[in-house]
Amino acid sequence: MKCREFCGACCIAPSISASIPGMENGKPAGVRCIHLTEDYRCDIFDSPDRPNVCARFMAEPDFCGSTRDEAMKILTMLEQ
């Protein structure tokens, strides 16, 4: 599955414990990553500074559902 345009659920719903540039202590669940652009793309996607946990996440129907709202619900549920 290709990453859905204008989604960004994986950059908002889950917590990230790894250090992120500008978010040295990671990010809490439900908080938008500071590198998520207004069009819901990762500003550091091709950077070596991108956390491994982000690079390893693969868009899959089980996690992303069929809509952005569904992705937010699934990822939020998994985070809890």
PDB file of N, CA and C in Angstrom:
ATOM      1  N   MET A   1       0.847  -1.175   0.000  1.00  0.00           N
ATOM      2  CA  MET A   1       0.000   0.000   0.000  1.00  0.00           C
ATOM      3  C   MET A   1       0.893   1.238   0.000  1.00  0.00           C
ATOM      4  N   LYS A   2       0.566   2.206  -0.843  1.00  0.00           N
ATOM      5  CA  LYS A   2       1.279   3.476  -0.833  1.00  0.00           C
ATOM      6  C   LYS A   2       0.725   4.349   0.283  1.00  0.00           C
ATOM      7  N   CYS A   3       1.580   5.197   0.796  1.00  0.00           N
ATOM      8  CA  CYS A   3       1.151   6.145   1.812  1.00  0.00           C
ATOM      9  C   CYS A   3       0.063   7.045   1.230  1.00  0.00           C
ATOM     10  N   ARG A   4      -1.003   7.248   2.008  1.00  0.00           N
ATOM     11  CA  ARG A   4      -2.137   8.056   1.555  1.00  0.00           C
ATOM     12  C   ARG A   4      -1.777   9.538   1.610  1.00  0.00           C
ATOM     13  N   GLU A   5      -2.036  10.258   0.537  1.00  0.00           N
ATOM     14  CA  GLU A   5      -1.784  11.696   0.523  1.00  0.00           C
ATOM     15  C   GLU A   5      -2.687  12.395   1.532  1.00  0.00           C
ATOM     16  N   PHE A   6      -2.182  13.456   2.128  1.00  0.00           N
ATOM     17  CA  PHE A   6      -2.925  14.279   3.088  1.00  0.00           C
ATOM     18  C   PHE A   6      -3.431  13.460   4.279  1.00  0.00           C
ATOM     19  N   CYS A   7      -2.617  12.531   4.762  1.00  0.00           N
ATOM     20  CA  CYS A   7      -3.012  11.714   5.911  1.00  0.00           C
ATOM     21  C   CYS A   7      -2.228  12.139   7.149  1.00  0.00           C
ATOM     22  N   GLY A   8      -0.991  11.688   7.274  1.00  0.00           N
ATOM     23  CA  GLY A   8      -0.154  12.060   8.411  1.00  0.00           C
ATOM     24  C   GLY A   8      -0.538  11.428   9.734  1.00  0.00           C
ATOM     25  N   ALA A   9      -1.450  10.468   9.725  1.00  0.00           N
ATOM     26  CA  ALA A   9      -1.889   9.841  10.975  1.00  0.00           C
ATOM     27  C   ALA A   9      -0.716   9.228  11.732  1.00  0.00           C
ATOM     28  N   CYS A  10       0.238   8.648  11.017  1.00  0.00           N
ATOM     29  CA  CYS A  10       1.391   8.014  11.662  1.00  0.00           C
ATOM     30  C   CYS A  10       2.336   9.041  12.278  1.00  0.00           C
ATOM     31  N   CYS A  11       2.164  10.304  11.945  1.00  0.00           N
ATOM     32  CA  CYS A  11       2.989  11.377  12.501  1.00  0.00           C
ATOM     33  C   CYS A  11       2.259  12.132  13.607  1.00  0.00           C
ATOM     34  N   ILE A  12       1.054  11.675  13.929  1.00  0.00           N
ATOM     35  CA  ILE A  12       0.257  12.332  14.964  1.00  0.00           C
ATOM     36  C   ILE A  12      -0.157  11.332  16.051  1.00  0.00           C
ATOM     37  N   ALA A  13      -0.803  10.247  15.666  1.00  0.00           N
ATOM     38  CA  ALA A  13      -1.425   9.333  16.632  1.00  0.00           C
ATOM     39  C   ALA A  13      -0.428   8.633  17.565  1.00  0.00           C
ATOM     40  N   PRO A  14       0.643   8.024  17.054  1.00  0.00           N
ATOM     41  CA  PRO A  14       1.513   7.271  17.969  1.00  0.00           C
ATOM     42  C   PRO A  14       2.515   8.162  18.701  1.00  0.00           C
ATOM     43  N   SER A  15       2.951   7.669  19.849  1.00  0.00           N
ATOM     44  CA  SER A  15       4.063   8.319  20.531  1.00  0.00           C
ATOM     45  C   SER A  15       5.356   7.872  19.850  1.00  0.00           C
ATOM     46  N   ILE A  16       6.369   8.703  19.946  1.00  0.00           N
ATOM     47  CA  ILE A  16       7.693   8.356  19.424  1.00  0.00           C
ATOM     48  C   ILE A  16       8.676   8.635  20.551  1.00  0.00           C
ATOM     49  N   SER A  17       9.315   7.597  21.048  1.00  0.00           N
ATOM     50  CA  SER A  17      10.229   7.770  22.174  1.00  0.00           C
ATOM     51  C   SER A  17      11.627   8.177  21.721  1.00  0.00           C
ATOM     52  N   ALA A  18      11.932   7.962  20.452  1.00  0.00           N
ATOM     53  CA  ALA A  18      13.248   8.334  19.928  1.00  0.00           C
ATOM     54  C   ALA A  18      13.363   9.845  19.795  1.00  0.00           C
ATOM     55  N   SER A  19      14.575  10.308  19.890  1.00  0.00           N
ATOM     56  CA  SER A  19      14.837  11.733  19.690  1.00  0.00           C
ATOM     57  C   SER A  19      14.573  12.109  18.237  1.00  0.00           C
ATOM     58  N   ILE A  20      13.927  13.239  18.067  1.00  0.00           N
ATOM     59  CA  ILE A  20      13.622  13.787  16.749  1.00  0.00           C
ATOM     60  C   ILE A  20      14.235  15.187  16.736  1.00  0.00           C
ATOM     61  N   PRO A  21      14.860  15.616  15.633  1.00  0.00           N
ATOM     62  CA  PRO A  21      15.380  16.981  15.621  1.00  0.00           C
ATOM     63  C   PRO A  21      14.290  17.986  16.008  1.00  0.00           C
ATOM     64  N   GLY A  22      14.578  18.776  17.039  1.00  0.00           N
ATOM     65  CA  GLY A  22      13.604  19.740  17.527  1.00  0.00           C
ATOM     66  C   GLY A  22      12.641  19.175  18.556  1.00  0.00           C
ATOM     67  N   MET A  23      12.662  17.863  18.715  1.00  0.00           N
ATOM     68  CA  MET A  23      11.837  17.184  19.726  1.00  0.00           C
ATOM     69  C   MET A  23      12.731  16.122  20.366  1.00  0.00           C
ATOM     70  N   GLU A  24      13.729  16.589  21.083  1.00  0.00           N
ATOM     71  CA  GLU A  24      14.770  15.699  21.604  1.00  0.00           C
ATOM     72  C   GLU A  24      14.247  14.595  22.510  1.00  0.00           C
ATOM     73  N   ASN A  25      13.125  14.831  23.169  1.00  0.00           N
ATOM     74  CA  ASN A  25      12.532  13.817  24.038  1.00  0.00           C
ATOM     75  C   ASN A  25      11.462  12.998  23.336  1.00  0.00           C
ATOM     76  N   GLY A  26      11.431  13.061  22.016  1.00  0.00           N
ATOM     77  CA  GLY A  26      10.411  12.347  21.256  1.00  0.00           C
ATOM     78  C   GLY A  26       9.110  13.135  21.233  1.00  0.00           C
ATOM     79  N   LYS A  27       8.017  12.434  20.973  1.00  0.00           N
ATOM     80  CA  LYS A  27       6.727  13.106  20.897  1.00  0.00           C
ATOM     81  C   LYS A  27       5.655  12.244  21.532  1.00  0.00           C
ATOM     82  N   PRO A  28       4.762  12.873  22.305  1.00  0.00           N
ATOM     83  CA  PRO A  28       3.664  12.113  22.907  1.00  0.00           C
ATOM     84  C   PRO A  28       2.609  11.721  21.871  1.00  0.00           C
ATOM     85  N   ALA A  29       1.858  10.694  22.194  1.00  0.00           N
ATOM     86  CA  ALA A  29       0.741  10.270  21.344  1.00  0.00           C
ATOM     87  C   ALA A  29      -0.249  11.417  21.191  1.00  0.00           C
ATOM     88  N   GLY A  30      -0.770  11.560  19.979  1.00  0.00           N
ATOM     89  CA  GLY A  30      -1.774  12.574  19.708  1.00  0.00           C
ATOM     90  C   GLY A  30      -1.221  13.956  19.423  1.00  0.00           C
ATOM     91  N   VAL A  31       0.090  14.103  19.503  1.00  0.00           N
ATOM     92  CA  VAL A  31       0.739  15.385  19.224  1.00  0.00           C
ATOM     93  C   VAL A  31       1.352  15.332  17.833  1.00  0.00           C
ATOM     94  N   ARG A  32       1.092  16.349  17.065  1.00  0.00           N
ATOM     95  CA  ARG A  32       1.616  16.435  15.704  1.00  0.00           C
ATOM     96  C   ARG A  32       3.137  16.610  15.745  1.00  0.00           C
ATOM     97  N   CYS A  33       3.856  15.792  14.989  1.00  0.00           N
ATOM     98  CA  CYS A  33       5.309  15.949  14.874  1.00  0.00           C
ATOM     99  C   CYS A  33       5.599  17.312  14.239  1.00  0.00           C
ATOM    100  N   ILE A  34       6.626  17.990  14.720  1.00  0.00           N
ATOM    101  CA  ILE A  34       6.939  19.317  14.176  1.00  0.00           C
ATOM    102  C   ILE A  34       7.429  19.248  12.736  1.00  0.00           C
ATOM    103  N   HIS A  35       7.757  18.062  12.267  1.00  0.00           N
ATOM    104  CA  HIS A  35       8.241  17.905  10.888  1.00  0.00           C
ATOM    105  C   HIS A  35       7.139  17.516   9.909  1.00  0.00           C
ATOM    106  N   LEU A  36       5.910  17.440  10.384  1.00  0.00           N
ATOM    107  CA  LEU A  36       4.771  17.154   9.511  1.00  0.00           C
ATOM    108  C   LEU A  36       4.333  18.469   8.876  1.00  0.00           C
ATOM    109  N   THR A  37       4.417  18.547   7.559  1.00  0.00           N
ATOM    110  CA  THR A  37       4.117  19.782   6.848  1.00  0.00           C
ATOM    111  C   THR A  37       2.606  20.009   6.762  1.00  0.00           C
ATOM    112  N   GLU A  38       2.234  21.182   6.304  1.00  0.00           N
ATOM    113  CA  GLU A  38       0.817  21.528   6.185  1.00  0.00           C
ATOM    114  C   GLU A  38       0.075  20.592   5.230  1.00  0.00           C
ATOM    115  N   ASP A  39       0.796  20.014   4.249  1.00  0.00           N
ATOM    116  CA  ASP A  39       0.154  19.057   3.337  1.00  0.00           C
ATOM    117  C   ASP A  39       0.375  17.609   3.788  1.00  0.00           C
ATOM    118  N   TYR A  40       0.693  17.455   5.082  1.00  0.00           N
ATOM    119  CA  TYR A  40       0.819  16.157   5.734  1.00  0.00           C
ATOM    120  C   TYR A  40       1.917  15.273   5.148  1.00  0.00           C
ATOM    121  N   ARG A  41       3.040  15.878   4.860  1.00  0.00           N
ATOM    122  CA  ARG A  41       4.222  15.129   4.427  1.00  0.00           C
ATOM    123  C   ARG A  41       5.318  15.317   5.464  1.00  0.00           C
ATOM    124  N   CYS A  42       6.219  14.359   5.543  1.00  0.00           N
ATOM    125  CA  CYS A  42       7.333  14.434   6.483  1.00  0.00           C
ATOM    126  C   CYS A  42       8.438  15.298   5.888  1.00  0.00           C
ATOM    127  N   ASP A  43       8.762  16.360   6.596  1.00  0.00           N
ATOM    128  CA  ASP A  43       9.787  17.297   6.133  1.00  0.00           C
ATOM    129  C   ASP A  43      11.200  16.710   6.212  1.00  0.00           C
ATOM    130  N   ILE A  44      11.389  15.637   6.999  1.00  0.00           N
ATOM    131  CA  ILE A  44      12.713  15.019   7.122  1.00  0.00           C
ATOM    132  C   ILE A  44      12.704  13.581   6.588  1.00  0.00           C
ATOM    133  N   PHE A  45      11.762  13.279   5.702  1.00  0.00           N
ATOM    134  CA  PHE A  45      11.586  11.923   5.186  1.00  0.00           C
ATOM    135  C   PHE A  45      12.895  11.335   4.634  1.00  0.00           C
ATOM    136  N   ASP A  46      13.641  12.090   3.866  1.00  0.00           N
ATOM    137  CA  ASP A  46      14.878  11.589   3.252  1.00  0.00           C
ATOM    138  C   ASP A  46      16.131  11.947   4.047  1.00  0.00           C
ATOM    139  N   SER A  47      15.960  12.450   5.242  1.00  0.00           N
ATOM    140  CA  SER A  47      17.087  12.876   6.072  1.00  0.00           C
ATOM    141  C   SER A  47      17.592  11.728   6.946  1.00  0.00           C
ATOM    142  N   PRO A  48      18.903  11.674   7.174  1.00  0.00           N
ATOM    143  CA  PRO A  48      19.425  10.672   8.117  1.00  0.00           C
ATOM    144  C   PRO A  48      18.981  10.953   9.555  1.00  0.00           C
ATOM    145  N   ASP A  49      18.425  12.134   9.806  1.00  0.00           N
ATOM    146  CA  ASP A  49      17.925  12.486  11.142  1.00  0.00           C
ATOM    147  C   ASP A  49      16.555  11.892  11.429  1.00  0.00           C
ATOM    148  N   ARG A  50      15.908  11.365  10.413  1.00  0.00           N
ATOM    149  CA  ARG A  50      14.586  10.753  10.604  1.00  0.00           C
ATOM    150  C   ARG A  50      14.744   9.534  11.505  1.00  0.00           C
ATOM    151  N   PRO A  51      13.959   9.449  12.582  1.00  0.00           N
ATOM    152  CA  PRO A  51      14.085   8.305  13.495  1.00  0.00           C
ATOM    153  C   PRO A  51      13.838   6.975  12.793  1.00  0.00           C
ATOM    154  N   ASN A  52      14.556   5.944  13.234  1.00  0.00           N
ATOM    155  CA  ASN A  52      14.394   4.609  12.647  1.00  0.00           C
ATOM    156  C   ASN A  52      12.971   4.100  12.773  1.00  0.00           C
ATOM    157  N   VAL A  53      12.324   4.416  13.891  1.00  0.00           N
ATOM    158  CA  VAL A  53      10.941   3.942  14.079  1.00  0.00           C
ATOM    159  C   VAL A  53      10.040   4.503  12.977  1.00  0.00           C
ATOM    160  N   CYS A  54      10.299   5.709  12.544  1.00  0.00           N
ATOM    161  CA  CYS A  54       9.512   6.308  11.452  1.00  0.00           C
ATOM    162  C   CYS A  54       9.847   5.642  10.123  1.00  0.00           C
ATOM    163  N   ALA A  55      11.121   5.421   9.890  1.00  0.00           N
ATOM    164  CA  ALA A  55      11.563   4.812   8.635  1.00  0.00           C
ATOM    165  C   ALA A  55      11.043   3.379   8.499  1.00  0.00           C
ATOM    166  N   ARG A  56      10.892   2.682   9.621  1.00  0.00           N
ATOM    167  CA  ARG A  56      10.431   1.287   9.580  1.00  0.00           C
ATOM    168  C   ARG A  56       8.923   1.158   9.433  1.00  0.00           C
ATOM    169  N   PHE A  57       8.179   2.211   9.724  1.00  0.00           N
ATOM    170  CA  PHE A  57       6.722   2.128   9.605  1.00  0.00           C
ATOM    171  C   PHE A  57       6.334   2.015   8.131  1.00  0.00           C
ATOM    172  N   MET A  58       5.545   1.018   7.815  1.00  0.00           N
ATOM    173  CA  MET A  58       5.074   0.810   6.453  1.00  0.00           C
ATOM    174  C   MET A  58       3.547   0.933   6.427  1.00  0.00           C
ATOM    175  N   ALA A  59       3.069   1.713   5.488  1.00  0.00           N
ATOM    176  CA  ALA A  59       1.622   1.860   5.337  1.00  0.00           C
ATOM    177  C   ALA A  59       1.019   0.510   4.954  1.00  0.00           C
ATOM    178  N   GLU A  60       0.053   0.068   5.745  1.00  0.00           N
ATOM    179  CA  GLU A  60      -0.652  -1.190   5.500  1.00  0.00           C
ATOM    180  C   GLU A  60      -2.120  -0.986   5.850  1.00  0.00           C
ATOM    181  N   PRO A  61      -3.015  -1.658   5.148  1.00  0.00           N
ATOM    182  CA  PRO A  61      -4.438  -1.501   5.449  1.00  0.00           C
ATOM    183  C   PRO A  61      -4.785  -1.765   6.913  1.00  0.00           C
ATOM    184  N   ASP A  62      -4.094  -2.713   7.564  1.00  0.00           N
ATOM    185  CA  ASP A  62      -4.384  -3.017   8.974  1.00  0.00           C
ATOM    186  C   ASP A  62      -4.116  -1.819   9.884  1.00  0.00           C
ATOM    187  N   PHE A  63      -3.188  -0.959   9.510  1.00  0.00           N
ATOM    188  CA  PHE A  63      -2.843   0.222  10.305  1.00  0.00           C
ATOM    189  C   PHE A  63      -3.496   1.488   9.767  1.00  0.00           C
ATOM    190  N   CYS A  64      -3.651   1.557   8.461  1.00  0.00           N
ATOM    191  CA  CYS A  64      -4.072   2.800   7.812  1.00  0.00           C
ATOM    192  C   CYS A  64      -5.532   2.818   7.383  1.00  0.00           C
ATOM    193  N   GLY A  65      -6.182   1.667   7.423  1.00  0.00           N
ATOM    194  CA  GLY A  65      -7.580   1.614   7.018  1.00  0.00           C
ATOM    195  C   GLY A  65      -7.775   2.115   5.601  1.00  0.00           C
ATOM    196  N   SER A  66      -8.940   2.690   5.357  1.00  0.00           N
ATOM    197  CA  SER A  66      -9.240   3.163   4.003  1.00  0.00           C
ATOM    198  C   SER A  66      -9.385   4.683   3.927  1.00  0.00           C
ATOM    199  N   THR A  67      -9.308   5.358   5.085  1.00  0.00           N
ATOM    200  CA  THR A  67      -9.393   6.821   5.117  1.00  0.00           C
ATOM    201  C   THR A  67      -8.445   7.351   6.187  1.00  0.00           C
ATOM    202  N   ARG A  68      -8.194   8.648   6.166  1.00  0.00           N
ATOM    203  CA  ARG A  68      -7.359   9.275   7.186  1.00  0.00           C
ATOM    204  C   ARG A  68      -8.008   9.121   8.564  1.00  0.00           C
ATOM    205  N   ASP A  69      -9.307   9.349   8.639  1.00  0.00           N
ATOM    206  CA  ASP A  69     -10.003   9.216   9.922  1.00  0.00           C
ATOM    207  C   ASP A  69      -9.878   7.802  10.482  1.00  0.00           C
ATOM    208  N   GLU A  70     -10.003   6.827   9.604  1.00  0.00           N
ATOM    209  CA  GLU A  70      -9.868   5.440  10.042  1.00  0.00           C
ATOM    210  C   GLU A  70      -8.447   5.169  10.517  1.00  0.00           C
ATOM    211  N   ALA A  71      -7.455   5.692   9.814  1.00  0.00           N
ATOM    212  CA  ALA A  71      -6.060   5.533  10.227  1.00  0.00           C
ATOM    213  C   ALA A  71      -5.832   6.136  11.609  1.00  0.00           C
ATOM    214  N   MET A  72      -6.374   7.317  11.852  1.00  0.00           N
ATOM    215  CA  MET A  72      -6.230   7.951  13.162  1.00  0.00           C
ATOM    216  C   MET A  72      -6.857   7.081  14.252  1.00  0.00           C
ATOM    217  N   LYS A  73      -8.028   6.521  13.988  1.00  0.00           N
ATOM    218  CA  LYS A  73      -8.701   5.675  14.974  1.00  0.00           C
ATOM    219  C   LYS A  73      -7.905   4.415  15.263  1.00  0.00           C
ATOM    220  N   ILE A  74      -7.431   3.762  14.198  1.00  0.00           N
ATOM    221  CA  ILE A  74      -6.674   2.501  14.363  1.00  0.00           C
ATOM    222  C   ILE A  74      -5.376   2.753  15.107  1.00  0.00           C
ATOM    223  N   LEU A  75      -4.613   3.754  14.673  1.00  0.00           N
ATOM    224  CA  LEU A  75      -3.317   4.025  15.296  1.00  0.00           C
ATOM    225  C   LEU A  75      -3.470   4.516  16.730  1.00  0.00           C
ATOM    226  N   THR A  76      -4.509   5.270  16.999  1.00  0.00           N
ATOM    227  CA  THR A  76      -4.768   5.720  18.374  1.00  0.00           C
ATOM    228  C   THR A  76      -5.119   4.532  19.247  1.00  0.00           C
ATOM    229  N   MET A  77      -5.947   3.635  18.744  1.00  0.00           N
ATOM    230  CA  MET A  77      -6.322   2.433  19.496  1.00  0.00           C
ATOM    231  C   MET A  77      -5.081   1.574  19.772  1.00  0.00           C
ATOM    232  N   LEU A  78      -4.233   1.385  18.784  1.00  0.00           N
ATOM    233  CA  LEU A  78      -3.024   0.589  18.957  1.00  0.00           C
ATOM    234  C   LEU A  78      -2.080   1.237  19.967  1.00  0.00           C
ATOM    235  N   GLU A  79      -2.027   2.551  19.976  1.00  0.00           N
ATOM    236  CA  GLU A  79      -1.166   3.266  20.919  1.00  0.00           C
ATOM    237  C   GLU A  79      -1.628   3.034  22.353  1.00  0.00           C
ATOM    238  N   GLN A  80      -2.941   2.974  22.552  1.00  0.00           N
ATOM    239  CA  GLN A  80      -3.483   2.792  23.901  1.00  0.00           C
ATOM    240  C   GLN A  80      -3.272   1.369  24.355  1.00  0.00           C
TER     241      GLN A  80
END
